[in-house]
Protein backbone atom coordinates (compact mmCIF):
# COMPACT_ATOMS: atom_id res chain seq x y z
CA MET A 1 0.00 0.00 0.00
CA LEU A 2 1.28 3.45 -0.92
CA ASP A 3 1.93 5.93 1.88
CA LEU A 4 0.49 9.42 1.38
CA ASN A 5 3.16 10.83 3.68
CA GLN A 6 5.89 9.44 1.45
CA MET A 7 4.23 10.96 -1.59
CA SER A 8 3.92 14.37 0.07
CA VAL A 9 7.61 14.25 0.99
CA PHE A 10 8.53 13.34 -2.60
CA ILE A 11 6.56 16.35 -3.88
CA LYS A 12 8.33 18.64 -1.42
CA VAL A 13 11.79 17.33 -2.41
CA VAL A 14 11.06 17.99 -6.10
CA GLN A 15 9.76 21.48 -5.30
CA GLU A 16 12.68 22.40 -3.05
CA GLY A 17 15.41 20.75 -5.14
CA SER A 18 17.22 19.10 -2.22
CA PHE A 19 16.68 16.85 0.79
CA THR A 20 18.05 19.51 3.12
CA ALA A 21 15.61 22.21 1.96
CA ALA A 22 12.69 19.77 1.98
CA ALA A 23 13.56 18.63 5.51
CA ARG A 24 13.73 22.24 6.67
CA SER A 25 10.37 23.02 5.07
CA LEU A 26 8.73 19.90 6.53
CA ASP A 27 10.45 20.35 9.91
CA MET A 28 11.80 16.82 10.00
CA PRO A 29 15.28 15.26 10.00
CA LYS A 30 17.03 15.01 6.62
CA SER A 31 17.72 11.32 7.23
CA ARG A 32 13.99 10.65 7.57
CA VAL A 33 13.24 12.47 4.32
CA SER A 34 15.88 10.40 2.51
CA ARG A 35 14.58 7.17 4.03
CA MET A 36 10.97 7.90 3.00
CA ILE A 37 12.00 8.58 -0.60
CA THR A 38 14.03 5.36 -0.71
CA ASP A 39 11.08 3.37 0.67
CA LEU A 40 8.77 4.93 -1.94
CA GLU A 41 11.17 4.02 -4.77
CA GLU A 42 11.40 0.44 -3.48
CA LYS A 43 7.61 0.10 -3.37
CA LEU A 44 7.29 1.42 -6.92
CA SER A 45 10.37 -0.51 -8.11
CA VAL A 46 11.59 2.57 -9.96
CA ARG A 47 14.15 5.32 -9.39
CA LEU A 48 12.35 8.64 -8.94
CA LEU A 49 15.26 10.98 -8.15
CA GLU A 50 18.79 11.58 -9.45
CA ARG A 51 21.01 12.45 -6.51
CA THR A 52 24.21 14.49 -6.88
CA THR A 53 26.36 16.30 -4.33
CA ARG A 54 24.83 19.65 -5.35
CA GLU A 55 21.20 18.91 -6.17
CA VAL A 56 18.40 16.41 -6.38
CA ARG A 57 16.27 16.33 -9.50
CA PRO A 58 13.57 13.97 -10.75
CA THR A 59 14.28 11.29 -13.33
CA ASP A 60 12.06 11.18 -16.41
CA VAL A 61 9.81 8.69 -14.65
CA GLY A 62 9.99 10.75 -11.45
CA LEU A 63 8.93 13.91 -13.28
CA GLN A 64 6.02 12.07 -14.88
CA TYR A 65 5.03 10.69 -11.49
CA TYR A 66 5.26 14.18 -9.93
CA GLU A 67 3.18 15.87 -12.63
CA GLN A 68 0.47 13.22 -12.59
CA TYR A 69 0.32 12.66 -8.86
CA LYS A 70 0.61 16.25 -7.54
CA PRO A 71 -2.95 17.31 -8.57
CA LEU A 72 -4.31 14.09 -7.02
CA PHE A 73 -2.46 14.71 -3.77
CA GLU A 74 -3.71 18.30 -3.62
CA GLU A 75 -7.28 17.08 -4.17
CA ILE A 76 -6.95 14.54 -1.35
CA SER A 77 -5.39 17.14 0.95
CA ASP A 78 -8.17 19.58 0.11
CA ILE A 79 -10.84 17.02 1.04
CA HIS A 80 -9.13 16.29 4.35
CA GLU A 81 -8.77 20.00 5.15
CA ARG A 82 -12.40 20.74 4.35
CA ILE A 83 -13.64 17.87 6.53
CA ALA A 84 -11.36 18.86 9.41
CA ASP A 85 -12.29 22.52 8.98
CA LYS A 86 -15.98 21.79 9.52
CA GLN A 87 -15.27 20.17 12.86
CA LYS A 88 -13.48 23.12 14.48
CA GLU A 89 -13.88 26.79 15.19
CA ALA A 90 -12.04 29.37 13.14
CA SER A 91 -8.59 29.63 14.68
CA GLY A 92 -4.91 30.14 13.93
CA HIS A 93 -2.74 33.13 13.10
CA LEU A 94 -4.21 35.51 10.50
CA ARG A 95 -1.74 37.83 8.78
CA ILE A 96 -3.32 40.80 6.97
CA SER A 97 -1.69 43.37 4.68
CA ALA A 98 -3.22 46.80 4.04
CA PRO A 99 -2.09 50.16 2.65
CA VAL A 100 -0.99 52.72 5.25
CA GLY A 101 -3.90 54.97 4.28
CA PHE A 102 -6.25 52.25 5.49
CA ALA A 103 -5.02 52.62 9.07
CA ILE A 104 -8.15 54.45 10.18
CA ASP A 105 -10.44 54.36 13.20
CA LEU A 106 -12.92 52.42 11.09
CA MET A 107 -10.43 49.61 10.47
CA GLY A 108 -9.44 49.59 14.14
CA ARG A 109 -13.04 49.24 15.32
CA TRP A 110 -13.79 46.48 12.84
CA MET A 111 -10.69 44.53 13.78
CA ALA A 112 -11.54 44.80 17.46
CA ALA A 113 -15.07 43.55 16.72
CA PHE A 114 -13.64 40.70 14.61
CA LYS A 115 -11.37 39.65 17.49
CA ASP A 116 -14.35 39.64 19.86
CA THR A 117 -16.29 37.44 17.44
CA TYR A 118 -13.38 35.06 16.75
CA PRO A 119 -11.25 34.98 19.93
CA GLN A 120 -9.35 31.88 18.73
CA ILE A 121 -7.87 33.77 15.78
CA GLY A 122 -4.62 35.62 16.44
CA MET A 123 -4.18 38.66 14.21
CA GLU A 124 -1.23 40.48 12.74
CA LEU A 125 -2.23 43.58 10.78
CA VAL A 126 0.62 45.09 8.74
CA PHE A 127 0.23 48.51 7.08
CA ASN A 128 2.70 48.96 4.26
CA ASP A 129 2.79 51.15 1.15
CA GLY A 130 5.68 49.22 -0.39
CA ASP A 131 5.42 46.34 -2.82
CA VAL A 132 3.79 43.43 -0.97
CA HIS A 133 3.69 39.89 -2.36
CA LEU A 134 1.08 38.02 -0.36
CA ILE A 135 2.49 34.52 -0.82
CA ARG A 136 6.19 35.44 -0.65
CA ASP A 137 5.69 37.65 2.41
CA GLY A 138 3.45 35.19 4.22
CA PHE A 139 0.14 37.08 4.26
CA ASP A 140 -3.20 35.28 4.37
CA VAL A 141 -5.24 38.18 2.99
CA GLY A 142 -4.71 41.76 1.88
CA PHE A 143 -6.43 44.87 0.53
CA ALA A 144 -5.86 46.32 -2.92
CA LEU A 145 -7.23 49.49 -4.48
CA GLY A 146 -7.68 49.90 -8.22
CA LYS A 147 -6.05 47.73 -10.87
CA LEU A 148 -4.82 44.32 -9.74
CA GLU A 149 -1.40 43.30 -11.05
CA ASP A 150 -0.99 39.78 -9.63
CA SER A 151 -3.19 37.38 -11.61
CA SER A 152 -2.37 34.48 -9.26
CA LEU A 153 -4.49 36.03 -6.50
CA ILE A 154 -8.22 35.66 -5.98
CA ALA A 155 -9.95 39.03 -5.59
CA ARG A 156 -13.23 39.67 -3.79
CA LYS A 157 -14.64 43.08 -4.59
CA VAL A 158 -15.73 44.86 -1.42
CA ASP A 159 -17.18 47.93 -3.08
CA ASP A 160 -16.35 50.82 -5.34
CA THR A 161 -14.64 53.51 -3.32
CA ASP A 162 -17.40 56.01 -4.20
CA PRO A 163 -14.91 58.90 -4.42
CA VAL A 164 -15.97 62.49 -3.77
CA LEU A 165 -14.20 65.84 -4.12
CA CYS A 166 -14.24 67.79 -0.85
CA ALA A 167 -12.99 71.05 0.62
CA SER A 168 -13.67 73.21 3.65
CA PRO A 169 -16.24 76.06 3.51
CA ALA A 170 -13.41 78.58 3.99
CA PHE A 171 -11.47 77.15 1.05
CA ILE A 172 -14.57 77.22 -1.16
CA GLU A 173 -15.23 80.84 -0.21
CA LYS A 174 -11.63 81.75 -1.11
CA TYR A 175 -11.30 79.87 -4.42
CA GLY A 176 -14.88 79.14 -5.49
CA PRO A 177 -17.61 78.83 -6.38
CA PHE A 178 -16.78 75.70 -8.39
CA THR A 179 -18.83 74.87 -11.48
CA HIS A 180 -16.42 72.92 -13.71
CA PRO A 181 -13.40 70.61 -13.17
CA GLU A 182 -11.20 72.94 -15.25
CA GLN A 183 -11.10 75.25 -12.22
CA LEU A 184 -9.29 72.52 -10.26
CA ASN A 185 -6.10 72.84 -12.31
CA ASN A 186 -5.14 76.14 -10.70
CA ILE A 187 -5.87 75.62 -7.01
CA PRO A 188 -4.03 73.83 -4.15
CA TRP A 189 -4.65 70.12 -3.62
CA VAL A 190 -4.20 67.84 -0.65
CA GLU A 191 -3.18 64.69 -2.50
CA PHE A 192 -3.73 61.25 -1.05
CA GLY A 193 -1.17 58.70 -2.25
CA SER A 194 -1.61 55.16 -0.92
CA ARG A 195 1.30 53.24 -2.39
CA LYS A 196 4.56 54.05 -4.09
CA GLY A 197 3.94 55.94 -7.31
CA TYR A 198 0.18 55.83 -6.87
CA SER A 199 -2.44 58.52 -6.31
CA HIS A 200 -6.18 58.52 -6.79
CA ASN A 201 -7.49 59.16 -10.28
CA ALA A 202 -8.51 62.77 -10.86
CA CYS A 203 -10.73 61.97 -13.82
CA PHE A 204 -14.17 63.62 -13.85
CA ILE A 205 -17.17 62.46 -15.91
CA HIS A 206 -20.31 64.59 -16.22
CA LYS A 207 -23.29 62.53 -15.09
CA GLU A 208 -25.58 63.73 -17.91
CA SER A 209 -23.45 64.75 -20.89
CA GLY A 210 -20.70 62.16 -20.39
CA GLU A 211 -18.02 64.86 -20.82
CA ARG A 212 -14.72 63.50 -19.50
CA LEU A 213 -11.88 65.58 -18.11
CA GLU A 214 -8.68 64.58 -16.32
CA VAL A 215 -7.32 67.12 -13.85
CA GLU A 216 -3.72 67.57 -12.80
CA GLN A 217 -3.43 67.78 -9.04
CA ASN A 218 -1.42 70.87 -8.08
CA SER A 219 -0.46 69.41 -4.72
CA SER A 220 0.54 71.61 -1.82
CA VAL A 221 0.41 68.60 0.52
CA ILE A 222 0.94 64.92 -0.32
CA VAL A 223 0.20 62.37 2.40
CA ASN A 224 -0.51 58.63 2.54
CA HIS A 225 -3.02 58.61 5.40
CA HIS A 226 -6.71 59.50 5.20
CA GLU A 227 -6.88 61.02 8.68
CA ILE A 228 -4.06 63.46 7.92
CA VAL A 229 -5.71 64.34 4.60
CA LYS A 230 -8.87 65.26 6.51
CA HIS A 231 -6.94 67.51 8.91
CA HIS A 232 -5.43 69.44 6.02
CA MET A 233 -8.73 69.70 4.18
CA THR A 234 -10.64 71.00 7.20
CA ALA A 235 -7.81 73.49 7.79
CA GLY A 236 -8.43 74.86 4.29
CA HIS A 237 -5.15 73.75 2.69
CA GLY A 238 -6.71 72.32 -0.47
CA VAL A 239 -9.28 70.14 -2.18
CA SER A 240 -8.93 66.37 -2.14
CA ILE A 241 -10.50 63.24 -3.56
CA THR A 242 -11.48 60.76 -0.88
CA SER A 243 -14.02 58.02 -0.21
CA THR A 244 -17.44 59.01 1.08
CA PHE A 245 -17.28 56.77 4.15
CA MET A 246 -13.91 58.29 5.12
CA VAL A 247 -15.36 61.83 5.44
CA TYR A 248 -19.02 61.10 6.13
CA GLU A 249 -19.05 62.67 9.62
CA GLU A 250 -17.24 65.79 8.40
CA ILE A 251 -19.79 66.19 5.60
CA LEU A 252 -22.65 65.86 8.07
CA ASP A 253 -21.19 68.32 10.58
CA GLY A 254 -20.39 70.86 7.84
CA SER A 255 -16.61 70.98 8.23
CA LEU A 256 -16.29 69.64 4.68
CA GLU A 257 -18.48 70.10 1.62
CA ILE A 258 -18.79 68.06 -1.58
CA LEU A 259 -17.81 69.94 -4.74
CA LEU A 260 -19.11 69.45 -8.29
CA PRO A 261 -21.96 67.04 -7.42
CA ASP A 262 -22.97 66.88 -11.12
CA TRP A 263 -19.63 65.26 -11.93
CA GLN A 264 -18.69 61.68 -11.13
CA ILE A 265 -15.10 60.85 -10.26
CA GLU A 266 -13.82 57.71 -11.96
CA GLN A 267 -14.18 54.96 -9.42
CA GLU A 268 -11.54 52.52 -8.26
CA PRO A 269 -12.78 49.31 -6.61
CA LEU A 270 -11.51 48.10 -3.25
CA TYR A 271 -10.63 44.41 -3.27
CA LEU A 272 -9.89 41.80 -0.67
CA VAL A 273 -7.21 39.58 -2.18
CA PHE A 274 -5.90 36.21 -1.08
CA PRO A 275 -3.80 33.37 -2.54
CA GLY A 276 -5.58 31.06 -4.96
CA GLY A 277 -6.50 27.51 -4.05
CA LYS A 278 -9.50 25.23 -3.92
CA HIS A 279 -9.71 25.42 -0.15
CA GLN A 280 -9.40 28.56 1.94
CA PRO A 281 -8.78 28.16 5.69
CA LYS A 282 -11.75 28.94 7.89
CA LYS A 283 -9.91 31.91 9.45
CA VAL A 284 -9.57 33.54 6.00
CA ARG A 285 -13.19 32.90 5.04
CA ALA A 286 -14.33 34.26 8.39
CA PHE A 287 -12.37 37.48 7.93
CA ILE A 288 -13.58 38.06 4.36
CA ASP A 289 -17.23 37.45 5.25
CA PHE A 290 -16.97 39.63 8.36
CA PHE A 291 -15.36 42.57 6.54
CA ILE A 292 -17.83 42.53 3.65
CA GLU A 293 -20.75 42.32 6.08
CA LYS A 294 -19.44 45.35 7.99
CA SER A 295 -19.00 47.27 4.73
CA GLN A 296 -22.58 46.53 3.74
CA GLU A 297 -23.85 47.59 7.17
CA LEU A 298 -22.02 50.90 6.89
CA GLU A 299 -23.43 51.52 3.42
CA LYS A 300 -26.97 50.82 4.68
CA LEU A 301 -26.43 53.18 7.61
CA MET A 302 -25.39 56.03 5.33
CA GLU A 303 -28.47 55.44 3.19
CA GLU A 304 -30.63 55.39 6.33
CA CYS A 305 -29.18 58.70 7.54
CA SER A 306 -30.34 60.46 4.37
CA GLU A 307 -33.94 59.91 5.52
CA TYR A 308 -33.36 62.04 8.64
CA SER A 309 -33.42 65.82 8.79
CA GLU A 310 -30.04 67.54 8.42
CA GLN A 311 -29.88 68.41 12.10
CA ASP A 312 -30.57 64.79 13.14
CA GLN A 313 -28.36 62.95 10.62
CA LEU A 314 -25.07 63.35 12.50
CA ALA A 315 -26.54 62.33 15.87
CA HIS A 316 -28.14 59.23 14.36
CA PHE A 317 -24.94 58.28 12.53
CA ARG A 318 -22.77 58.59 15.64
CA LYS A 319 -25.29 56.70 17.76
CA CYS A 320 -25.35 53.78 15.32
CA ILE A 321 -21.57 53.78 14.93
CA ALA A 322 -21.10 53.52 18.71
CA LYS A 323 -23.80 50.86 19.09
CA GLN A 324 -22.88 48.68 16.11
CA ARG A 325 -19.10 49.31 16.23
CA LEU A 326 -19.08 50.34 12.58
């Protein structure tokens, strides 16, 4: 009878290219790895690996065996993982990557609520604007804004960012009134840049005529954090493009106003991304479902607030935020 453990070790040796690297990856002695491969070859009565002092590589038969067996082994492993997953609570260490600009109170509240809901899951939340490779850097899940460059990842769209152009009343009084995006080329901007070489699109599309105009941001301040952008906007240092849910309270309390409501800013979706595979660990599925549910709750709350009078909208929003931990 063939041993699945021996087969899994063989796959790892081929992938790693040596017994030493495979043993390190599997956290077992090198002598045991070598013995298991020898036993497998004896059972099959065929030589699977060519061994030299510098490397280990599959024979022609070994390569054929690897290519044909690997998908089968992954299918078997997937079945075992799914069965085991159903019998236990979501647990383990969850490593999450997000842009620095996402480090907001909202994210903090949601992560605290997630931890309360899933106490067996340990979390590591890393904010980084550099180039992050989920698999290489050991992340279970991450956030991506706009165009996705890594086709090996699975992307779950959370929502369009629903961008709006905002400024303080004092800024509008000084530079406005604003009736057309062309006016934006000659005024100060507070530019939000979330990752290296990236800033939000400043492309405006008229909702009725379809006229399209791209604006160059004449930035007096460039910052990669939404909260700091808000401070500069409310201080009157410039206009900025941001997401509605990031500035919703400031819009309700009047410290910021939306400009050019007849123009739509080209949207950039927010994605949850994670490594591909037939089976996702329960901790990853739990996080994705939880985050999307919270996003939908927040969207419903903002729609609900529009039904209240202007003087009651802010109080209702803050009450629900505190109660629901949105």
